[in-house]
């Protein structure tokens, strides 16, 4: 049994990681401000779980927690994950997404933590590299959020090389699955589509629907995090995490309709200005460095997500 900290552990990805670590018999401490996370995401779970409400901008609170026991690894998932919010509130977004990451790394160094695994984003690639996109592709952040993730990655690499904190950054593509909030103003496309269908409404596709994304099921994303926490090759690396499959939004909508077993006609709305046209991960490095192998097809992942949403009705 090992002890783990998860910042942002009450959020979508974090709460799924909590379940995996507890199922594996580990001790988990969640540190979350509950700004975007939800306490109910981790309530009632069996196992050695502690919840601490706090903000990663509070270095004193972080230091107190990190020094409280010997933690094997820190999974740093806490963030304000919204491009729109980062434009509307760039300073606050920077304080959480960039300075917050620096705080986590600094405190991990102070207490001698053995590994930091950071959740980054494919958003920093911009829209100039045709898929599949490798980690060697040029980066062109098109939002403060993406720039903040890029700065955080750089800190992870520097702390690995020069400051004695082995760290790895995972560039996640489009994660979906249970406990992803469909009611959020910034909700992702999968829960939006599925909740519309469960309500008997047709999902809305923006533009011509031929824009593409790489959809990775949350259980596969969690597996990548766990693998990154122990891989001897991972420290100092930046690694794409996706399914490696390029899927158009039109195709996604069709699969969602089939999964929901309803008959509706997809609605179209004007394209979103500045939207990335094509996105798909080259996951060769993830396979080689982490031994990562996504196991869930989009069809199966949609069914699992739909079953979860149905239970909430």
Protein backbone atom coordinates (compact mmCIF):
# COMPACT_ATOMS: atom_id res chain seq x y z
CA UNK A 1 0.00 0.00 0.00
CA UNK A 2 1.24 3.48 -0.90
CA UNK A 3 0.07 6.96 0.08
CA UNK A 4 -1.01 9.33 -2.69
CA UNK A 5 -2.14 12.96 -2.88
CA UNK A 6 -4.53 14.05 -5.61
CA UNK A 7 -5.00 17.78 -6.07
CA UNK A 8 -8.36 18.30 -7.73
CA UNK A 9 -9.39 14.83 -6.63
CA UNK A 10 -13.07 15.74 -6.34
CA UNK A 11 -13.30 16.63 -10.02
CA UNK A 12 -14.12 14.48 -13.02
CA UNK A 13 -10.74 12.90 -13.71
CA UNK A 14 -9.62 13.06 -10.09
CA UNK A 15 -12.61 11.23 -8.65
CA UNK A 16 -12.15 8.42 -11.16
CA UNK A 17 -8.48 8.21 -10.18
CA UNK A 18 -9.51 8.06 -6.51
CA UNK A 19 -11.63 5.00 -7.24
CA UNK A 20 -8.82 3.25 -9.08
CA UNK A 21 -6.22 3.85 -6.34
CA UNK A 22 -8.59 2.78 -3.57
CA UNK A 23 -9.52 -0.36 -5.52
CA UNK A 24 -5.81 -1.13 -5.77
CA UNK A 25 -5.55 -0.92 -1.98
CA UNK A 26 -3.76 2.42 -1.66
CA UNK A 27 -4.25 5.32 0.75
CA UNK A 28 -5.53 8.49 -0.94
CA UNK A 29 -5.68 12.09 0.24
CA UNK A 30 -7.75 14.49 -1.86
CA UNK A 31 -6.92 18.20 -1.79
CA UNK A 32 -9.62 20.21 -3.55
CA UNK A 33 -11.06 23.72 -3.36
CA UNK A 34 -14.48 22.49 -4.61
CA UNK A 35 -14.65 25.37 -7.08
CA UNK A 36 -15.14 22.96 -9.97
CA UNK A 37 -14.94 19.67 -8.05
CA UNK A 38 -17.86 18.15 -6.16
CA UNK A 39 -17.66 16.51 -2.76
CA UNK A 40 -20.35 13.99 -3.74
CA UNK A 41 -18.02 12.62 -6.43
CA UNK A 42 -15.97 10.90 -3.72
CA UNK A 43 -18.48 10.40 -0.91
CA UNK A 44 -19.30 6.92 0.35
CA UNK A 45 -16.22 5.24 -1.09
CA UNK A 46 -14.69 2.30 0.74
CA UNK A 47 -11.01 2.45 1.58
CA UNK A 48 -8.43 4.72 3.19
CA UNK A 49 -9.59 8.09 1.88
CA UNK A 50 -9.10 11.53 3.41
CA UNK A 51 -10.53 14.76 2.05
CA UNK A 52 -8.89 18.13 2.72
CA UNK A 53 -10.56 21.27 1.40
CA UNK A 54 -7.95 23.73 0.25
CA UNK A 55 -6.58 25.86 -2.56
CA UNK A 56 -3.30 25.20 -4.40
CA UNK A 57 -2.59 28.93 -4.23
CA UNK A 58 -2.21 28.47 -0.45
CA UNK A 59 1.38 27.23 -0.09
CA UNK A 60 1.12 26.99 3.70
CA UNK A 61 -1.85 24.62 3.43
CA UNK A 62 -0.03 22.57 0.79
CA UNK A 63 3.11 22.32 2.92
CA UNK A 64 1.12 21.27 5.99
CA UNK A 65 -0.57 18.51 4.02
CA UNK A 66 2.51 17.27 2.17
CA UNK A 67 4.49 17.11 5.41
CA UNK A 68 1.76 15.18 7.24
CA UNK A 69 2.83 11.76 5.93
CA UNK A 70 5.19 10.13 3.47
CA UNK A 71 3.47 10.38 0.10
CA UNK A 72 4.61 8.15 -2.74
CA UNK A 73 3.41 10.44 -5.53
CA UNK A 74 1.37 13.57 -6.11
CA UNK A 75 -1.17 13.63 -8.92
CA UNK A 76 -1.59 17.30 -9.72
CA UNK A 77 -4.96 17.63 -11.46
CA UNK A 78 -6.30 20.82 -9.84
CA UNK A 79 -6.99 23.56 -12.39
CA UNK A 80 -9.54 26.00 -13.75
CA UNK A 81 -10.06 24.03 -16.97
CA UNK A 82 -11.80 26.56 -19.16
CA UNK A 83 -10.46 28.42 -22.17
CA UNK A 84 -13.28 30.96 -21.90
CA UNK A 85 -12.64 31.61 -18.22
CA UNK A 86 -8.94 32.13 -18.92
CA UNK A 87 -9.80 34.90 -21.39
CA UNK A 88 -12.31 36.51 -19.04
CA UNK A 89 -10.11 36.18 -15.92
CA UNK A 90 -6.51 35.71 -17.11
CA UNK A 91 -4.87 36.68 -13.82
CA UNK A 92 -6.96 34.34 -11.67
CA UNK A 93 -6.57 31.53 -14.19
CA UNK A 94 -2.79 32.06 -14.18
CA UNK A 95 -2.64 32.06 -10.39
CA UNK A 96 -4.38 28.68 -10.24
CA UNK A 97 -3.12 26.96 -13.36
CA UNK A 98 0.50 28.14 -13.53
CA UNK A 99 1.47 29.50 -10.11
CA UNK A 100 -0.54 26.71 -8.48
CA UNK A 101 1.54 24.13 -10.32
CA UNK A 102 4.73 25.86 -9.26
CA UNK A 103 3.49 25.79 -5.67
CA UNK A 104 2.87 22.04 -5.84
CA UNK A 105 6.33 21.39 -7.26
CA UNK A 106 8.02 23.64 -4.69
CA UNK A 107 6.27 21.95 -1.78
CA UNK A 108 6.98 18.50 -3.23
CA UNK A 109 10.65 19.45 -3.32
CA UNK A 110 10.57 20.77 0.24
CA UNK A 111 9.27 17.48 1.64
CA UNK A 112 11.16 15.16 -0.71
CA UNK A 113 8.21 13.75 -2.63
CA UNK A 114 9.30 11.04 -5.07
CA UNK A 115 7.08 11.87 -8.07
CA UNK A 116 4.71 14.54 -9.40
CA UNK A 117 2.35 13.61 -12.23
CA UNK A 118 0.83 16.69 -13.87
CA UNK A 119 -2.32 16.80 -16.00
CA UNK A 120 -1.63 19.00 -19.03
CA UNK A 121 -3.68 19.51 -22.17
CA UNK A 122 -3.57 19.10 -25.94
CA UNK A 123 -4.88 22.69 -26.10
CA UNK A 124 -1.34 24.00 -26.30
CA UNK A 125 -0.82 22.52 -29.80
CA UNK A 126 -3.05 25.09 -31.43
CA UNK A 127 -4.31 24.36 -34.94
CA UNK A 128 -1.32 24.15 -37.25
CA UNK A 129 -0.19 20.51 -37.07
CA UNK A 130 -2.17 17.84 -38.95
CA UNK A 131 -2.95 14.67 -36.98
CA UNK A 132 -1.63 12.47 -35.62
CA UNK A 133 0.13 15.05 -33.44
CA UNK A 134 3.34 13.98 -31.72
CA UNK A 135 5.04 15.61 -28.75
CA UNK A 136 7.67 16.94 -31.17
CA UNK A 137 5.11 19.10 -32.95
CA UNK A 138 5.39 22.85 -32.50
CA UNK A 139 3.19 24.32 -29.81
CA UNK A 140 1.13 27.45 -30.32
CA UNK A 141 -1.12 28.26 -27.37
CA UNK A 142 -4.23 30.08 -28.55
CA UNK A 143 -5.55 30.94 -25.08
CA UNK A 144 -4.23 31.96 -21.67
CA UNK A 145 -5.30 28.51 -20.44
CA UNK A 146 -3.07 26.77 -22.99
CA UNK A 147 -0.18 29.11 -22.20
CA UNK A 148 -0.58 28.33 -18.50
CA UNK A 149 -0.44 24.59 -19.16
CA UNK A 150 2.69 25.05 -21.27
CA UNK A 151 4.37 27.06 -18.52
CA UNK A 152 3.45 24.34 -16.02
CA UNK A 153 4.96 21.65 -18.24
CA UNK A 154 8.19 23.65 -18.42
CA UNK A 155 8.33 23.83 -14.64
CA UNK A 156 7.84 20.06 -14.42
CA UNK A 157 10.76 19.46 -16.78
CA UNK A 158 12.99 21.96 -14.97
CA UNK A 159 12.19 20.55 -11.55
CA UNK A 160 13.08 17.10 -12.85
CA UNK A 161 16.37 18.17 -14.41
CA UNK A 162 17.67 20.63 -11.85
CA UNK A 163 15.67 20.61 -8.61
CA UNK A 164 15.33 16.95 -7.68
CA UNK A 165 11.59 16.44 -8.17
CA UNK A 166 10.93 13.68 -10.75
CA UNK A 167 7.91 14.92 -12.67
CA UNK A 168 5.98 13.95 -15.77
CA UNK A 169 3.38 15.93 -17.72
CA UNK A 170 0.57 14.14 -19.53
CA UNK A 171 -1.03 16.03 -22.41
CA UNK A 172 -4.58 14.73 -22.30
CA UNK A 173 -6.76 14.91 -25.37
CA UNK A 174 -10.59 14.78 -25.02
CA UNK A 175 -11.38 12.76 -21.90
CA UNK A 176 -14.98 11.65 -21.39
CA UNK A 177 -16.86 9.27 -19.11
CA UNK A 178 -18.75 8.96 -15.81
CA UNK A 179 -18.79 11.94 -13.44
CA UNK A 180 -18.15 14.50 -16.18
CA UNK A 181 -20.53 17.33 -15.40
CA UNK A 182 -23.09 17.79 -18.21
CA UNK A 183 -24.63 20.84 -16.54
CA UNK A 184 -21.49 22.94 -16.53
CA UNK A 185 -21.37 26.06 -18.68
CA UNK A 186 -18.18 24.59 -20.11
CA UNK A 187 -19.44 21.01 -20.46
CA UNK A 188 -17.67 18.81 -22.99
CA UNK A 189 -19.38 17.53 -26.10
CA UNK A 190 -19.96 13.92 -24.98
CA UNK A 191 -22.03 14.63 -21.85
CA UNK A 192 -23.87 17.39 -23.73
CA UNK A 193 -24.86 15.00 -26.51
CA UNK A 194 -25.88 12.19 -24.16
CA UNK A 195 -27.94 14.34 -21.79
CA UNK A 196 -29.79 15.83 -24.76
CA UNK A 197 -30.61 12.36 -26.03
CA UNK A 198 -31.76 11.17 -22.61
CA UNK A 199 -34.12 14.14 -22.53
CA UNK A 200 -35.49 13.21 -25.94
CA UNK A 201 -33.81 16.16 -27.62
CA UNK A 202 -31.53 16.23 -30.64
CA UNK A 203 -27.88 17.12 -29.96
CA UNK A 204 -26.48 20.23 -31.61
CA UNK A 205 -23.46 20.01 -33.90
CA UNK A 206 -21.64 23.28 -34.53
CA UNK A 207 -20.47 23.96 -38.05
CA UNK A 208 -20.35 21.18 -40.62
CA UNK A 209 -19.49 18.56 -37.99
CA UNK A 210 -16.40 17.38 -39.82
CA UNK A 211 -14.09 18.85 -37.19
CA UNK A 212 -12.31 15.97 -35.42
CA UNK A 213 -11.23 15.08 -31.90
CA UNK A 214 -9.45 12.26 -30.10
CA UNK A 215 -11.83 10.91 -27.44
CA UNK A 216 -10.20 8.90 -24.65
CA UNK A 217 -12.30 7.13 -22.02
CA UNK A 218 -11.65 8.25 -18.46
CA UNK A 219 -10.62 4.78 -17.26
CA UNK A 220 -7.87 4.77 -19.88
CA UNK A 221 -6.82 8.27 -18.82
CA UNK A 222 -6.64 7.04 -15.22
CA UNK A 223 -4.49 4.10 -16.27
CA UNK A 224 -2.08 6.55 -17.89
CA UNK A 225 -1.81 8.51 -14.64
CA UNK A 226 -1.09 5.37 -12.64
CA UNK A 227 1.50 4.18 -15.14
CA UNK A 228 3.18 7.61 -15.13
CA UNK A 229 3.52 7.47 -11.34
CA UNK A 230 5.77 4.40 -11.49
CA UNK A 231 7.45 4.33 -14.91
CA UNK A 232 11.22 4.67 -14.63
CA UNK A 233 11.31 6.31 -18.08
CA UNK A 234 8.67 8.94 -17.37
CA UNK A 235 10.40 11.67 -15.30
CA UNK A 236 11.20 14.75 -17.36
CA UNK A 237 8.92 13.66 -20.18
CA UNK A 238 5.86 15.29 -21.74
CA UNK A 239 3.55 12.56 -23.05
CA UNK A 240 0.39 12.61 -25.16
CA UNK A 241 -2.55 10.64 -23.77
CA UNK A 242 -5.41 9.88 -26.13
CA UNK A 243 -7.00 6.99 -27.95
CA UNK A 244 -5.00 7.56 -31.12
CA UNK A 245 -8.26 7.53 -33.10
CA UNK A 246 -9.47 10.61 -34.99
CA UNK A 247 -13.27 10.96 -34.80
CA UNK A 248 -15.47 13.57 -36.45
CA UNK A 249 -18.18 15.24 -34.40
CA UNK A 250 -20.74 13.99 -36.93
CA UNK A 251 -19.58 10.42 -36.32
CA UNK A 252 -19.63 10.96 -32.56
CA UNK A 253 -23.21 12.24 -32.78
CA UNK A 254 -24.24 9.18 -34.78
CA UNK A 255 -22.64 6.82 -32.26
CA UNK A 256 -24.33 8.67 -29.39
CA UNK A 257 -27.74 8.35 -31.07
CA UNK A 258 -27.15 4.63 -31.60
CA UNK A 259 -26.06 4.15 -27.99
CA UNK A 260 -29.17 5.94 -26.72
CA UNK A 261 -31.37 3.92 -29.08
CA UNK A 262 -33.48 6.91 -30.06
CA UNK A 263 -34.56 8.38 -33.37
CA UNK A 264 -33.70 12.05 -33.66
CA UNK A 265 -32.37 14.30 -36.38
CA UNK A 266 -29.09 15.99 -35.53
CA UNK A 267 -29.37 19.78 -35.40
CA UNK A 268 -26.68 22.10 -36.74
CA UNK A 269 -25.67 25.56 -35.55
CA UNK A 270 -23.10 28.08 -36.78
CA UNK A 271 -19.46 27.13 -36.32
CA UNK A 272 -17.62 28.32 -33.22
CA UNK A 273 -15.06 31.01 -34.19
CA UNK A 274 -11.47 29.88 -33.71
CA UNK A 275 -12.34 26.24 -33.08
CA UNK A 276 -9.55 23.74 -33.78
CA UNK A 277 -10.40 21.88 -36.99
CA UNK A 278 -8.57 18.57 -36.48
CA UNK A 279 -7.07 16.93 -33.41
CA UNK A 280 -5.74 13.44 -32.75
CA UNK A 281 -2.86 12.17 -30.63
CA UNK A 282 0.16 10.21 -31.72
CA UNK A 283 0.49 7.94 -28.66
CA UNK A 284 3.70 6.18 -29.69
CA UNK A 285 5.65 7.77 -26.84
CA UNK A 286 2.96 6.81 -24.32
CA UNK A 287 3.18 3.19 -25.49
CA UNK A 288 6.99 3.18 -25.30
CA UNK A 289 7.51 5.14 -22.08
CA UNK A 290 4.43 4.22 -20.04
CA UNK A 291 3.39 0.94 -21.68
CA UNK A 292 0.06 2.71 -22.17
CA UNK A 293 -2.55 0.92 -24.23
CA UNK A 294 -6.08 2.40 -24.37
CA UNK A 295 -8.58 -0.42 -24.06
CA UNK A 296 -12.02 1.19 -24.38
CA UNK A 297 -13.54 1.81 -27.79
CA UNK A 298 -15.62 4.93 -28.29
CA UNK A 299 -18.74 2.78 -28.72
CA UNK A 300 -18.18 1.00 -25.40
CA UNK A 301 -17.19 4.20 -23.61
CA UNK A 302 -20.35 5.96 -24.75
CA UNK A 303 -22.46 3.05 -23.49
CA UNK A 304 -20.75 3.13 -20.09
CA UNK A 305 -21.18 6.89 -19.87
CA UNK A 306 -24.82 6.66 -20.90
CA UNK A 307 -25.48 3.96 -18.26
CA UNK A 308 -23.97 6.24 -15.60
CA UNK A 309 -26.05 9.26 -16.68
CA UNK A 310 -29.19 7.10 -16.76
CA UNK A 311 -28.66 6.18 -13.11
CA UNK A 312 -28.68 9.89 -12.20
CA UNK A 313 -32.13 10.48 -13.66
